[in-house]
Amino acid sequence: MIFWIVQGFTQGTLSLKVGKEFFTLHRKYPTPSGDSLKVDQFKFYLGDNSGNYHLVDLEDTATMRLPFWGEAWAIGMDSAANTSGNLDGAFDPLLGMYWAWNTGYIQLKVVGTFFHEQQWNPFEYHIGGYRAPYLTHQKIQRKHLQHVIELHLDPLFAALPLEKHPKIMLPGAEALRIHQAFAACFE
């Protein structure tokens, strides 16, 4: 088990899994329909109960170490963070997670290809929304405070509408459903 002690408090690290396997980018995984998918880009925001946000980007394993620790977390940014005008650190538009002033930040980005009907097809999900009824900011309570926080991505991958809607780039009902499936990965 890996954990970090920084400035006197314990920090955790994320571990992503599909089934019993560790998840990595650029690798094929089976879908519930019997096809396959390969994820080439996976980014998301996590926050603590003080309004601090951290961008996890699987291209950079250092982002898997969290700068906060505790029982109460947020998946995605709240509306105040989306509209704060802060463009530094995790909010930097150069990180590829900023949409625009009227739609805010992408809370979850999953990009790759899926194999269906004997061919590879692209998919791209930029999931976000900071206004009701499509708010993609969800608070969670962690029941166990292990140093390694496992995310089981099976609910997310099962929720991706790969065949019907391989590209979602704006807030809406389908984006909210995908974000809720992502939140279920933390349970």
Protein backbone atom coordinates (compact mmCIF):
# COMPACT_ATOMS: atom_id res chain seq x y z
CA MET A 1 0.00 0.00 0.00
CA ILE A 2 1.35 3.42 -1.00
CA PHE A 3 0.57 6.64 0.85
CA TRP A 4 2.10 10.04 1.29
CA ILE A 5 2.53 12.26 4.34
CA VAL A 6 2.62 15.93 3.34
CA GLN A 7 2.63 18.88 5.76
CA GLY A 8 1.56 16.66 8.64
CA PHE A 9 -1.49 14.98 7.13
CA THR A 10 -2.03 11.77 5.26
CA GLN A 11 -2.83 11.80 1.57
CA GLY A 12 -4.16 9.04 -0.59
CA THR A 13 -3.66 7.83 -4.07
CA LEU A 14 -6.22 6.68 -6.60
CA SER A 15 -6.26 3.21 -8.10
CA LEU A 16 -8.57 2.65 -11.06
CA LYS A 17 -9.85 -0.81 -11.94
CA VAL A 18 -11.97 -2.51 -14.57
CA GLY A 19 -13.18 -5.81 -13.18
CA LYS A 20 -10.24 -7.09 -11.17
CA GLU A 21 -7.61 -5.54 -13.47
CA PHE A 22 -5.87 -2.23 -12.99
CA PHE A 23 -7.03 0.30 -15.56
CA THR A 24 -4.47 1.83 -17.89
CA LEU A 25 -4.82 4.04 -20.93
CA HIS A 26 -4.41 2.65 -24.46
CA ARG A 27 -5.46 -0.88 -23.51
CA LYS A 28 -8.51 -2.82 -24.73
CA TYR A 29 -11.29 -3.65 -22.26
CA PRO A 30 -14.46 -5.63 -22.92
CA THR A 31 -17.82 -3.83 -22.88
CA PRO A 32 -21.05 -5.32 -21.48
CA SER A 33 -22.29 -5.73 -25.08
CA GLY A 34 -19.35 -7.99 -25.95
CA ASP A 35 -17.42 -5.37 -27.90
CA SER A 36 -14.22 -3.64 -26.76
CA LEU A 37 -13.17 -0.13 -25.90
CA LYS A 38 -9.82 1.57 -25.57
CA VAL A 39 -9.49 4.83 -23.63
CA ASP A 40 -6.77 7.24 -24.76
CA GLN A 41 -7.65 10.21 -22.55
CA PHE A 42 -9.22 10.17 -19.08
CA LYS A 43 -9.45 13.28 -16.88
CA PHE A 44 -11.73 14.34 -14.05
CA TYR A 45 -12.04 16.80 -11.16
CA LEU A 46 -12.22 15.88 -7.49
CA GLY A 47 -12.70 18.31 -4.65
CA ASP A 48 -12.61 18.43 -0.89
CA ASN A 49 -15.19 19.92 1.46
CA SER A 50 -13.25 23.24 1.57
CA GLY A 51 -13.74 23.99 -2.13
CA ASN A 52 -10.28 22.90 -3.27
CA TYR A 53 -10.24 21.10 -6.62
CA HIS A 54 -7.74 18.74 -8.15
CA LEU A 55 -7.54 17.59 -11.77
CA VAL A 56 -6.76 13.89 -12.17
CA ASP A 57 -5.23 13.17 -15.58
CA LEU A 58 -4.24 9.57 -16.23
CA GLU A 59 -1.52 10.76 -18.64
CA ASP A 60 0.26 12.15 -15.56
CA THR A 61 0.48 9.54 -12.79
CA ALA A 62 1.52 12.23 -10.28
CA THR A 63 -2.07 13.54 -10.42
CA MET A 64 -3.24 10.24 -8.93
CA ARG A 65 -1.88 11.48 -5.58
CA LEU A 66 -4.51 13.65 -3.98
CA PRO A 67 -3.62 16.94 -2.25
CA PHE A 68 -6.45 16.47 0.27
CA TRP A 69 -7.85 13.79 2.49
CA GLY A 70 -11.06 13.16 4.36
CA GLU A 71 -14.50 11.60 4.34
CA ALA A 72 -16.38 14.27 2.35
CA TRP A 73 -15.47 14.71 -1.31
CA ALA A 74 -16.92 16.23 -4.42
CA ILE A 75 -16.87 14.73 -7.88
CA GLY A 76 -16.78 17.64 -10.30
CA MET A 77 -16.76 21.35 -9.46
CA ASP A 78 -19.64 23.28 -7.95
CA SER A 79 -21.18 26.29 -9.70
CA ALA A 80 -19.08 28.76 -7.69
CA ALA A 81 -15.84 27.16 -8.89
CA ASN A 82 -17.14 27.02 -12.47
CA THR A 83 -17.90 30.75 -12.51
CA SER A 84 -15.12 32.08 -10.22
CA GLY A 85 -12.97 33.38 -13.06
CA ASN A 86 -9.96 31.57 -11.57
CA LEU A 87 -7.80 30.35 -14.46
CA ASP A 88 -4.77 29.10 -12.48
CA GLY A 89 -3.65 25.64 -11.38
CA ALA A 90 -6.33 23.00 -11.98
CA PHE A 91 -8.50 25.71 -13.60
CA ASP A 92 -6.00 26.55 -16.36
CA PRO A 93 -7.75 26.38 -19.77
CA LEU A 94 -4.55 24.95 -21.28
CA LEU A 95 -5.32 21.69 -19.42
CA GLY A 96 -8.12 21.08 -21.93
CA MET A 97 -10.99 21.03 -19.42
CA TYR A 98 -12.52 24.49 -19.93
CA TRP A 99 -15.53 24.85 -22.24
CA ALA A 100 -16.66 28.47 -22.06
CA TRP A 101 -18.06 31.08 -19.68
CA ASN A 102 -21.63 29.84 -20.17
CA THR A 103 -20.95 26.11 -19.79
CA GLY A 104 -18.03 26.12 -17.34
CA TYR A 105 -15.62 23.25 -17.02
CA ILE A 106 -15.63 19.72 -18.32
CA GLN A 107 -15.91 17.60 -15.17
CA LEU A 108 -15.10 14.27 -16.79
CA LYS A 109 -13.35 13.68 -20.11
CA VAL A 110 -13.21 10.19 -21.63
CA VAL A 111 -11.88 9.87 -25.18
CA GLY A 112 -10.96 6.76 -27.15
CA THR A 113 -12.22 4.16 -29.59
CA PHE A 114 -14.60 1.22 -29.40
CA PHE A 115 -14.70 -1.91 -31.51
CA HIS A 116 -18.13 -2.63 -32.94
CA GLU A 117 -19.25 -4.44 -36.10
CA GLN A 118 -15.68 -5.34 -37.03
CA GLN A 119 -14.28 -1.81 -36.91
CA TRP A 120 -12.85 0.70 -34.46
CA ASN A 121 -15.00 3.80 -33.97
CA PRO A 122 -14.04 6.99 -32.11
CA PHE A 123 -15.89 8.20 -29.01
CA GLU A 124 -15.53 11.43 -27.08
CA TYR A 125 -17.33 12.37 -23.89
CA HIS A 126 -16.86 15.82 -22.39
CA ILE A 127 -19.19 15.64 -19.42
CA GLY A 128 -20.11 18.72 -17.42
CA GLY A 129 -22.78 21.16 -16.39
CA TYR A 130 -23.06 23.50 -13.43
CA ARG A 131 -26.70 24.56 -13.68
CA ALA A 132 -29.83 22.67 -12.68
CA PRO A 133 -31.16 20.32 -13.85
CA TYR A 134 -27.81 19.13 -15.31
CA LEU A 135 -25.51 19.77 -12.36
CA THR A 136 -22.47 17.47 -12.54
CA HIS A 137 -21.17 18.22 -9.08
CA GLN A 138 -21.85 15.42 -6.67
CA LYS A 139 -20.82 15.16 -3.04
CA ILE A 140 -19.89 11.76 -1.69
CA GLN A 141 -19.11 10.42 1.76
CA ARG A 142 -16.30 7.93 1.88
CA LYS A 143 -17.09 5.12 4.29
CA HIS A 144 -13.53 3.84 4.62
CA LEU A 145 -10.44 6.01 4.78
CA GLN A 146 -7.89 3.73 3.16
CA HIS A 147 -4.80 5.33 1.68
CA VAL A 148 -5.47 3.71 -1.68
CA ILE A 149 -8.84 4.80 -3.04
CA GLU A 150 -10.15 2.31 -5.57
CA LEU A 151 -12.42 3.42 -8.36
CA HIS A 152 -14.16 0.57 -10.15
CA LEU A 153 -14.88 1.93 -13.62
CA ASP A 154 -17.32 -0.80 -14.68
CA PRO A 155 -20.45 1.35 -13.98
CA LEU A 156 -19.03 4.19 -16.08
CA PHE A 157 -18.11 2.00 -19.04
CA ALA A 158 -21.51 0.27 -18.92
CA ALA A 159 -23.21 3.70 -19.04
CA LEU A 160 -21.37 5.06 -22.07
CA PRO A 161 -23.80 5.15 -25.03
CA LEU A 162 -21.05 4.15 -27.46
CA GLU A 163 -23.28 3.09 -30.34
CA LYS A 164 -26.13 5.60 -30.00
CA HIS A 165 -24.23 8.72 -28.90
CA PRO A 166 -20.47 8.28 -29.34
CA LYS A 167 -19.94 12.02 -28.89
CA ILE A 168 -21.37 14.17 -26.09
CA MET A 169 -19.87 17.63 -25.73
CA LEU A 170 -22.48 19.69 -23.85
CA PRO A 171 -24.46 19.54 -20.61
CA GLY A 172 -27.71 17.59 -20.83
CA ALA A 173 -29.65 14.60 -19.56
CA GLU A 174 -27.32 12.02 -21.13
CA ALA A 175 -24.22 13.80 -19.78
CA LEU A 176 -25.77 13.86 -16.31
CA ARG A 177 -26.55 10.14 -16.50
CA ILE A 178 -22.92 9.38 -17.43
CA HIS A 179 -21.64 11.57 -14.59
CA GLN A 180 -23.90 9.77 -12.10
CA ALA A 181 -22.51 6.43 -13.34
CA PHE A 182 -19.00 7.81 -12.78
CA ALA A 183 -19.93 8.82 -9.24
CA ALA A 184 -21.06 5.22 -8.63
CA CYS A 185 -17.46 4.13 -9.35
CA PHE A 186 -16.45 5.60 -5.99
CA GLU A 187 -18.83 3.43 -3.93
